[in-house]
C-alpha atoms as a PDB file:
ATOM      1  CA  GLY A   1     107.814 193.121 107.184  1.00  0.00           C
ATOM      2  CA  GLY A   2     110.496 194.984 105.159  1.00  0.00           C
ATOM      3  CA  GLY A   3     107.981 197.645 104.110  1.00  0.00           C
ATOM      4  CA  ALA A   4     107.032 198.429 107.699  1.00  0.00           C
ATOM      5  CA  GLY A   5     110.705 198.640 108.682  1.00  0.00           C
ATOM      6  CA  SER A   6     111.561 201.123 105.946  1.00  0.00           C
ATOM      7  CA  ASP A   7     108.479 203.159 106.848  1.00  0.00           C
ATOM      8  CA  ASP A   8     109.654 203.358 110.469  1.00  0.00           C
ATOM      9  CA  ALA A   9     113.088 204.474 109.334  1.00  0.00           C
ATOM     10  CA  GLY A  10     111.522 207.162 107.186  1.00  0.00           C
ATOM     11  CA  GLN A  11     109.379 208.355 110.056  1.00  0.00           C
ATOM     12  CA  GLY A  12     112.410 208.325 112.345  1.00  0.00           C
ATOM     13  CA  GLY A  13     114.300 210.577 109.941  1.00  0.00           C
ATOM     14  CA  TRP A  14     111.327 212.926 109.492  1.00  0.00           C
ATOM     15  CA  PHE A  15     110.522 213.299 113.180  1.00  0.00           C
ATOM     16  CA  ARG A  16     114.103 213.327 114.381  1.00  0.00           C
ATOM     17  CA  MET A  17     114.362 217.126 114.604  1.00  0.00           C
ATOM     18  CA  PHE A  18     111.203 217.199 116.765  1.00  0.00           C
ATOM     19  CA  SER A  19     112.411 214.441 119.091  1.00  0.00           C
ATOM     20  CA  VAL A  20     113.695 215.375 122.576  1.00  0.00           C
ATOM     21  CA  ALA A  21     116.121 212.418 122.462  1.00  0.00           C
ATOM     22  CA  ALA A  22     117.763 213.890 119.346  1.00  0.00           C
ATOM     23  CA  TYR A  23     118.849 216.962 121.341  1.00  0.00           C
ATOM     24  CA  LYS A  24     119.959 215.120 124.491  1.00  0.00           C
ATOM     25  CA  PRO A  25     123.669 215.021 123.453  1.00  0.00           C
ATOM     26  CA  TYR A  26     123.688 218.822 123.174  1.00  0.00           C
ATOM     27  CA  PHE A  27     122.971 219.135 126.903  1.00  0.00           C
ATOM     28  CA  ASP A  28     125.874 216.862 127.840  1.00  0.00           C
ATOM     29  CA  VAL A  29     128.549 219.538 128.257  1.00  0.00           C
ATOM     30  CA  ASP A  30     131.194 220.413 130.857  1.00  0.00           C
ATOM     31  CA  THR A  31     130.862 223.503 133.047  1.00  0.00           C
ATOM     32  CA  SER A  32     134.296 224.620 131.844  1.00  0.00           C
ATOM     33  CA  ASP A  33     133.044 224.522 128.228  1.00  0.00           C
ATOM     34  CA  VAL A  34     130.004 226.648 129.096  1.00  0.00           C
ATOM     35  CA  VAL A  35     132.118 229.178 131.023  1.00  0.00           C
ATOM     36  CA  GLU A  36     134.603 229.385 128.146  1.00  0.00           C
ATOM     37  CA  ARG A  37     131.791 229.987 125.657  1.00  0.00           C
ATOM     38  CA  ILE A  38     130.216 232.655 127.845  1.00  0.00           C
ATOM     39  CA  TRP A  39     133.644 234.303 128.138  1.00  0.00           C
ATOM     40  CA  GLU A  40     133.998 234.146 124.347  1.00  0.00           C
ATOM     41  CA  SER A  41     130.667 235.983 123.952  1.00  0.00           C
ATOM     42  CA  VAL A  42     131.965 238.876 126.085  1.00  0.00           C
ATOM     43  CA  PHE A  43     134.779 239.478 123.557  1.00  0.00           C
ATOM     44  CA  PRO A  44     132.769 239.778 120.329  1.00  0.00           C
ATOM     45  CA  PHE A  45     135.582 240.898 118.002  1.00  0.00           C
ATOM     46  CA  ARG A  46     137.430 237.581 118.206  1.00  0.00           C
ATOM     47  CA  GLY A  47     134.956 235.878 115.878  1.00  0.00           C
ATOM     48  CA  THR A  48     136.280 232.440 116.863  1.00  0.00           C
ATOM     49  CA  PHE A  49     133.158 231.117 118.642  1.00  0.00           C
ATOM     50  CA  THR A  50     131.665 229.305 115.624  1.00  0.00           C
ATOM     51  CA  GLU A  51     135.022 227.722 114.802  1.00  0.00           C
ATOM     52  CA  LYS A  52     135.535 226.508 118.381  1.00  0.00           C
ATOM     53  CA  THR A  53     132.011 225.108 118.758  1.00  0.00           C
ATOM     54  CA  SER A  54     131.590 223.622 115.273  1.00  0.00           C
ATOM     55  CA  GLU A  55     132.402 220.099 116.488  1.00  0.00           C
ATOM     56  CA  ASN A  56     130.332 220.210 119.689  1.00  0.00           C
ATOM     57  CA  PRO A  57     127.685 222.964 119.832  1.00  0.00           C
ATOM     58  CA  ASP A  58     125.605 222.840 123.018  1.00  0.00           C
ATOM     59  CA  LEU A  59     122.108 223.923 123.993  1.00  0.00           C
ATOM     60  CA  TYR A  60     122.690 223.735 127.763  1.00  0.00           C
ATOM     61  CA  GLY A  61     124.444 227.123 127.960  1.00  0.00           C
ATOM     62  CA  PRO A  62     121.934 228.882 125.686  1.00  0.00           C
ATOM     63  CA  PHE A  63     118.976 227.475 127.640  1.00  0.00           C
ATOM     64  CA  TRP A  64     120.280 228.681 131.008  1.00  0.00           C
ATOM     65  CA  THR A  65     121.505 231.989 129.596  1.00  0.00           C
ATOM     66  CA  CYS A  66     118.051 232.661 128.160  1.00  0.00           C
ATOM     67  CA  THR A  67     116.209 231.479 131.292  1.00  0.00           C
ATOM     68  CA  THR A  68     118.440 233.573 133.579  1.00  0.00           C
ATOM     69  CA  LEU A  69     117.955 236.635 131.372  1.00  0.00           C
ATOM     70  CA  ILE A  70     114.162 236.201 131.442  1.00  0.00           C
ATOM     71  CA  PHE A  71     114.019 236.286 135.241  1.00  0.00           C
ATOM     72  CA  VAL A  72     116.742 238.918 135.691  1.00  0.00           C
ATOM     73  CA  ALA A  73     115.098 241.318 133.207  1.00  0.00           C
ATOM     74  CA  ALA A  74     111.619 240.822 134.723  1.00  0.00           C
ATOM     75  CA  SER A  75     112.895 241.058 138.326  1.00  0.00           C
ATOM     76  CA  ILE A  76     115.003 244.187 137.772  1.00  0.00           C
ATOM     77  CA  ALA A  77     112.196 245.889 135.839  1.00  0.00           C
ATOM     78  CA  THR A  78     109.762 245.065 138.662  1.00  0.00           C
ATOM     79  CA  PHE A  79     112.172 246.303 141.333  1.00  0.00           C
ATOM     80  CA  VAL A  80     112.973 249.542 139.507  1.00  0.00           C
ATOM     81  CA  THR A  81     109.269 250.239 138.907  1.00  0.00           C
ATOM     82  CA  TYR A  82     108.514 249.535 142.582  1.00  0.00           C
ATOM     83  CA  LEU A  83     111.204 251.986 143.765  1.00  0.00           C
ATOM     84  CA  SER A  84     110.009 254.628 141.322  1.00  0.00           C
ATOM     85  CA  HIS A  85     106.409 254.354 142.548  1.00  0.00           C
ATOM     86  CA  LYS A  86     107.506 254.484 146.186  1.00  0.00           C
ATOM     87  CA  TRP A  87     109.659 257.522 145.461  1.00  0.00           C
ATOM     88  CA  HIS A  88     106.660 259.343 143.987  1.00  0.00           C
ATOM     89  CA  LYS A  89     104.378 257.992 146.762  1.00  0.00           C
ATOM     90  CA  LYS A  90     102.157 256.276 144.197  1.00  0.00           C
ATOM     91  CA  GLU A  91     100.319 252.959 144.497  1.00  0.00           C
ATOM     92  CA  TRP A  92     102.224 250.038 142.952  1.00  0.00           C
ATOM     93  CA  ASN A  93     100.853 246.752 141.611  1.00  0.00           C
ATOM     94  CA  TYR A  94     102.961 243.775 140.585  1.00  0.00           C
ATOM     95  CA  ASP A  95     102.780 243.084 136.843  1.00  0.00           C
ATOM     96  CA  ILE A  96     102.954 239.314 136.246  1.00  0.00           C
ATOM     97  CA  ASN A  97     102.952 240.031 132.497  1.00  0.00           C
ATOM     98  CA  LEU A  98     106.609 241.092 132.738  1.00  0.00           C
ATOM     99  CA  VAL A  99     107.707 237.463 133.166  1.00  0.00           C
ATOM    100  CA  THR A 100     105.351 236.277 130.427  1.00  0.00           C
ATOM    101  CA  TRP A 101     106.504 238.950 127.966  1.00  0.00           C
ATOM    102  CA  SER A 102     110.128 238.357 128.915  1.00  0.00           C
ATOM    103  CA  ALA A 103     109.828 234.601 128.309  1.00  0.00           C
ATOM    104  CA  GLY A 104     107.993 235.100 125.021  1.00  0.00           C
ATOM    105  CA  LEU A 105     110.507 237.672 123.779  1.00  0.00           C
ATOM    106  CA  PHE A 106     113.741 235.830 124.589  1.00  0.00           C
ATOM    107  CA  TYR A 107     112.693 232.212 124.052  1.00  0.00           C
ATOM    108  CA  GLY A 108     110.932 233.260 120.851  1.00  0.00           C
ATOM    109  CA  TYR A 109     113.926 235.244 119.623  1.00  0.00           C
ATOM    110  CA  VAL A 110     116.556 232.528 120.163  1.00  0.00           C
ATOM    111  CA  THR A 111     114.257 229.865 118.669  1.00  0.00           C
ATOM    112  CA  PHE A 112     112.781 231.500 115.587  1.00  0.00           C
ATOM    113  CA  VAL A 113     115.476 233.960 114.444  1.00  0.00           C
ATOM    114  CA  PRO A 114     118.099 231.184 114.067  1.00  0.00           C
ATOM    115  CA  LEU A 115     115.415 229.027 112.416  1.00  0.00           C
ATOM    116  CA  GLY A 116     114.744 231.782 109.867  1.00  0.00           C
ATOM    117  CA  LEU A 117     118.473 232.328 109.368  1.00  0.00           C
ATOM    118  CA  TYR A 118     118.929 228.574 108.841  1.00  0.00           C
ATOM    119  CA  VAL A 119     116.439 228.688 105.939  1.00  0.00           C
ATOM    120  CA  ILE A 120     118.006 231.871 104.465  1.00  0.00           C
ATOM    121  CA  LEU A 121     121.539 230.431 104.584  1.00  0.00           C
ATOM    122  CA  LYS A 122     120.309 227.231 102.948  1.00  0.00           C
ATOM    123  CA  TYR A 123     118.738 229.333 100.179  1.00  0.00           C
ATOM    124  CA  PHE A 124     122.037 231.188  99.605  1.00  0.00           C
ATOM    125  CA  SER A 125     123.928 227.878  99.472  1.00  0.00           C
ATOM    126  CA  ALA A 126     125.851 228.609 102.665  1.00  0.00           C
ATOM    127  CA  PRO A 127     124.098 226.150 104.998  1.00  0.00           C
ATOM    128  CA  ALA A 128     124.883 226.233 108.713  1.00  0.00           C
ATOM    129  CA  GLY A 129     123.839 223.717 111.358  1.00  0.00           C
ATOM    130  CA  LEU A 130     120.594 224.642 113.132  1.00  0.00           C
ATOM    131  CA  VAL A 131     121.926 223.603 116.557  1.00  0.00           C
ATOM    132  CA  GLN A 132     125.067 225.656 115.939  1.00  0.00           C
ATOM    133  CA  LEU A 133     122.922 228.726 115.157  1.00  0.00           C
ATOM    134  CA  TRP A 134     120.843 228.157 118.307  1.00  0.00           C
ATOM    135  CA  CYS A 135     124.078 227.821 120.271  1.00  0.00           C
ATOM    136  CA  LEU A 136     125.490 231.069 118.835  1.00  0.00           C
ATOM    137  CA  TYR A 137     122.308 233.077 119.421  1.00  0.00           C
ATOM    138  CA  GLY A 138     121.810 231.662 122.923  1.00  0.00           C
ATOM    139  CA  TYR A 139     125.256 232.718 124.092  1.00  0.00           C
ATOM    140  CA  SER A 140     124.880 236.086 122.335  1.00  0.00           C
ATOM    141  CA  LEU A 141     122.230 237.022 124.914  1.00  0.00           C
ATOM    142  CA  PHE A 142     124.576 236.624 127.890  1.00  0.00           C
ATOM    143  CA  ILE A 143     125.790 240.246 127.707  1.00  0.00           C
ATOM    144  CA  PHE A 144     122.195 241.404 128.371  1.00  0.00           C
ATOM    145  CA  ILE A 145     122.274 239.848 131.875  1.00  0.00           C
ATOM    146  CA  PRO A 146     124.901 242.264 133.318  1.00  0.00           C
ATOM    147  CA  ALA A 147     123.285 245.038 131.240  1.00  0.00           C
ATOM    148  CA  SER A 148     119.943 244.338 132.947  1.00  0.00           C
ATOM    149  CA  LEU A 149     121.601 244.435 136.372  1.00  0.00           C
ATOM    150  CA  LEU A 150     123.246 247.793 135.557  1.00  0.00           C
ATOM    151  CA  SER A 151     119.879 249.186 134.460  1.00  0.00           C
ATOM    152  CA  ILE A 152     118.936 249.465 138.133  1.00  0.00           C
ATOM    153  CA  VAL A 153     120.766 252.836 138.108  1.00  0.00           C
ATOM    154  CA  PRO A 154     117.931 255.421 137.896  1.00  0.00           C
ATOM    155  CA  ILE A 155     119.479 257.587 135.161  1.00  0.00           C
ATOM    156  CA  GLU A 156     117.688 257.374 131.822  1.00  0.00           C
ATOM    157  CA  ILE A 157     120.677 258.298 129.608  1.00  0.00           C
ATOM    158  CA  PHE A 158     122.819 255.723 131.453  1.00  0.00           C
ATOM    159  CA  ARG A 159     120.214 253.022 130.750  1.00  0.00           C
ATOM    160  CA  TRP A 160     120.219 253.910 127.047  1.00  0.00           C
ATOM    161  CA  VAL A 161     124.037 253.780 126.942  1.00  0.00           C
ATOM    162  CA  ILE A 162     124.048 250.382 128.679  1.00  0.00           C
ATOM    163  CA  ALA A 163     121.390 248.988 126.306  1.00  0.00           C
ATOM    164  CA  GLY A 164     123.279 250.413 123.316  1.00  0.00           C
ATOM    165  CA  VAL A 165     126.663 248.986 124.349  1.00  0.00           C
ATOM    166  CA  ALA A 166     125.152 245.570 125.185  1.00  0.00           C
ATOM    167  CA  GLY A 167     123.232 245.526 121.902  1.00  0.00           C
ATOM    168  CA  PHE A 168     126.314 246.511 119.907  1.00  0.00           C
ATOM    169  CA  MET A 169     128.472 243.834 121.597  1.00  0.00           C
ATOM    170  CA  SER A 170     125.811 241.150 121.144  1.00  0.00           C
ATOM    171  CA  ALA A 171     125.195 242.109 117.509  1.00  0.00           C
ATOM    172  CA  THR A 172     128.946 242.196 116.795  1.00  0.00           C
ATOM    173  CA  PHE A 173     129.389 238.753 118.384  1.00  0.00           C
ATOM    174  CA  VAL A 174     126.736 237.192 116.121  1.00  0.00           C
ATOM    175  CA  ALA A 175     127.770 239.102 112.970  1.00  0.00           C
ATOM    176  CA  MET A 176     131.517 238.454 113.356  1.00  0.00           C
ATOM    177  CA  ASN A 177     130.971 234.735 113.889  1.00  0.00           C
ATOM    178  CA  LEU A 178     128.699 234.407 110.882  1.00  0.00           C
ATOM    179  CA  ARG A 179     130.602 236.754 108.569  1.00  0.00           C
ATOM    180  CA  ALA A 180     133.354 234.273 107.715  1.00  0.00           C
ATOM    181  CA  HIS A 181     130.724 231.640 106.977  1.00  0.00           C
ATOM    182  CA  ILE A 182     128.456 233.877 104.893  1.00  0.00           C
ATOM    183  CA  VAL A 183     131.170 235.783 102.999  1.00  0.00           C
ATOM    184  CA  ASN A 184     131.431 232.880 100.548  1.00  0.00           C
ATOM    185  CA  SER A 185     127.739 233.068  99.590  1.00  0.00           C
ATOM    186  CA  GLY A 186     128.213 235.780  96.962  1.00  0.00           C
ATOM    187  CA  GLU A 187     127.837 239.547  96.959  1.00  0.00           C
ATOM    188  CA  ARG A 188     124.703 239.486  99.153  1.00  0.00           C
ATOM    189  CA  TRP A 189     126.657 238.343 102.224  1.00  0.00           C
ATOM    190  CA  PHE A 190     126.875 241.958 103.461  1.00  0.00           C
ATOM    191  CA  LEU A 191     123.077 242.362 103.437  1.00  0.00           C
ATOM    192  CA  ILE A 192     122.652 239.170 105.472  1.00  0.00           C
ATOM    193  CA  VAL A 193     125.271 240.223 108.052  1.00  0.00           C
ATOM    194  CA  ALA A 194     123.815 243.751 108.260  1.00  0.00           C
ATOM    195  CA  GLY A 195     120.338 242.282 108.781  1.00  0.00           C
ATOM    196  CA  ILE A 196     121.624 239.994 111.554  1.00  0.00           C
ATOM    197  CA  PHE A 197     123.393 242.949 113.204  1.00  0.00           C
ATOM    198  CA  LEU A 198     120.371 245.287 113.050  1.00  0.00           C
ATOM    199  CA  LEU A 199     117.978 242.622 114.333  1.00  0.00           C
ATOM    200  CA  GLN A 200     120.163 242.066 117.386  1.00  0.00           C
ATOM    201  CA  LEU A 201     120.354 245.830 117.991  1.00  0.00           C
ATOM    202  CA  GLY A 202     116.565 245.923 117.705  1.00  0.00           C
ATOM    203  CA  LEU A 203     116.327 243.367 120.509  1.00  0.00           C
ATOM    204  CA  ALA A 204     118.420 245.646 122.747  1.00  0.00           C
ATOM    205  CA  VAL A 205     116.141 248.632 122.000  1.00  0.00           C
ATOM    206  CA  LEU A 206     113.059 246.494 122.734  1.00  0.00           C
ATOM    207  CA  LEU A 207     114.631 245.381 126.028  1.00  0.00           C
ATOM    208  CA  LYS A 208     115.257 249.004 126.993  1.00  0.00           C
ATOM    209  CA  LEU A 209     111.830 250.310 125.942  1.00  0.00           C
ATOM    210  CA  TYR A 210     109.739 247.533 127.460  1.00  0.00           C
ATOM    211  CA  PHE A 211     111.653 246.638 130.626  1.00  0.00           C
ATOM    212  CA  PHE A 212     113.636 249.725 131.570  1.00  0.00           C
ATOM    213  CA  THR A 213     111.477 252.691 130.672  1.00  0.00           C
ATOM    214  CA  ILE A 214     109.708 253.596 133.898  1.00  0.00           C
ATOM    215  CA  THR A 215     106.371 255.349 133.801  1.00  0.00           C
ATOM    216  CA  VAL A 216     104.664 256.366 137.050  1.00  0.00           C
END
């Protein structure tokens, strides 16, 4: 009987990170907390987000931020393409792949980049909580929602500026909040922070190229 019990406990520990129930507490968060965290992400130079959320990181805000961004980016891109085709009196067909690509890009990014960073930080003996990294990266995408809305303006240079500013703010938010944590991991901390920063900028460029470059 004891052997079976200990086996169950072992299985429980092993499968815990894949259990939905394990993440339920991270969705139990007040609206005021979510709003405050979104507001924090709009002011990237503070670098106090990780400190403020260390005790109670949430996944509710990141999930809805990411989901909203997926539909906003796909909808705005569709609308802008539609207007452009009408303007040039060309036939227009709805591209359902925009939603699929959008979902794959953003859900994939906020799931697997923090997962990779979690492993890297563990390797450099500066471990960070996986949920906390998901929380940080999820909120870092919020700035792309207003950026997507502004991309409706049909001026190419303006769209690049908007994507660049949003990317810089998002990258700064992530880098500033991880810098204090990583700085203790030896002389390679700068490479890690620079990598994090450039990856986030890359996401902004991808957003601009795929969703807001209109070809007729």
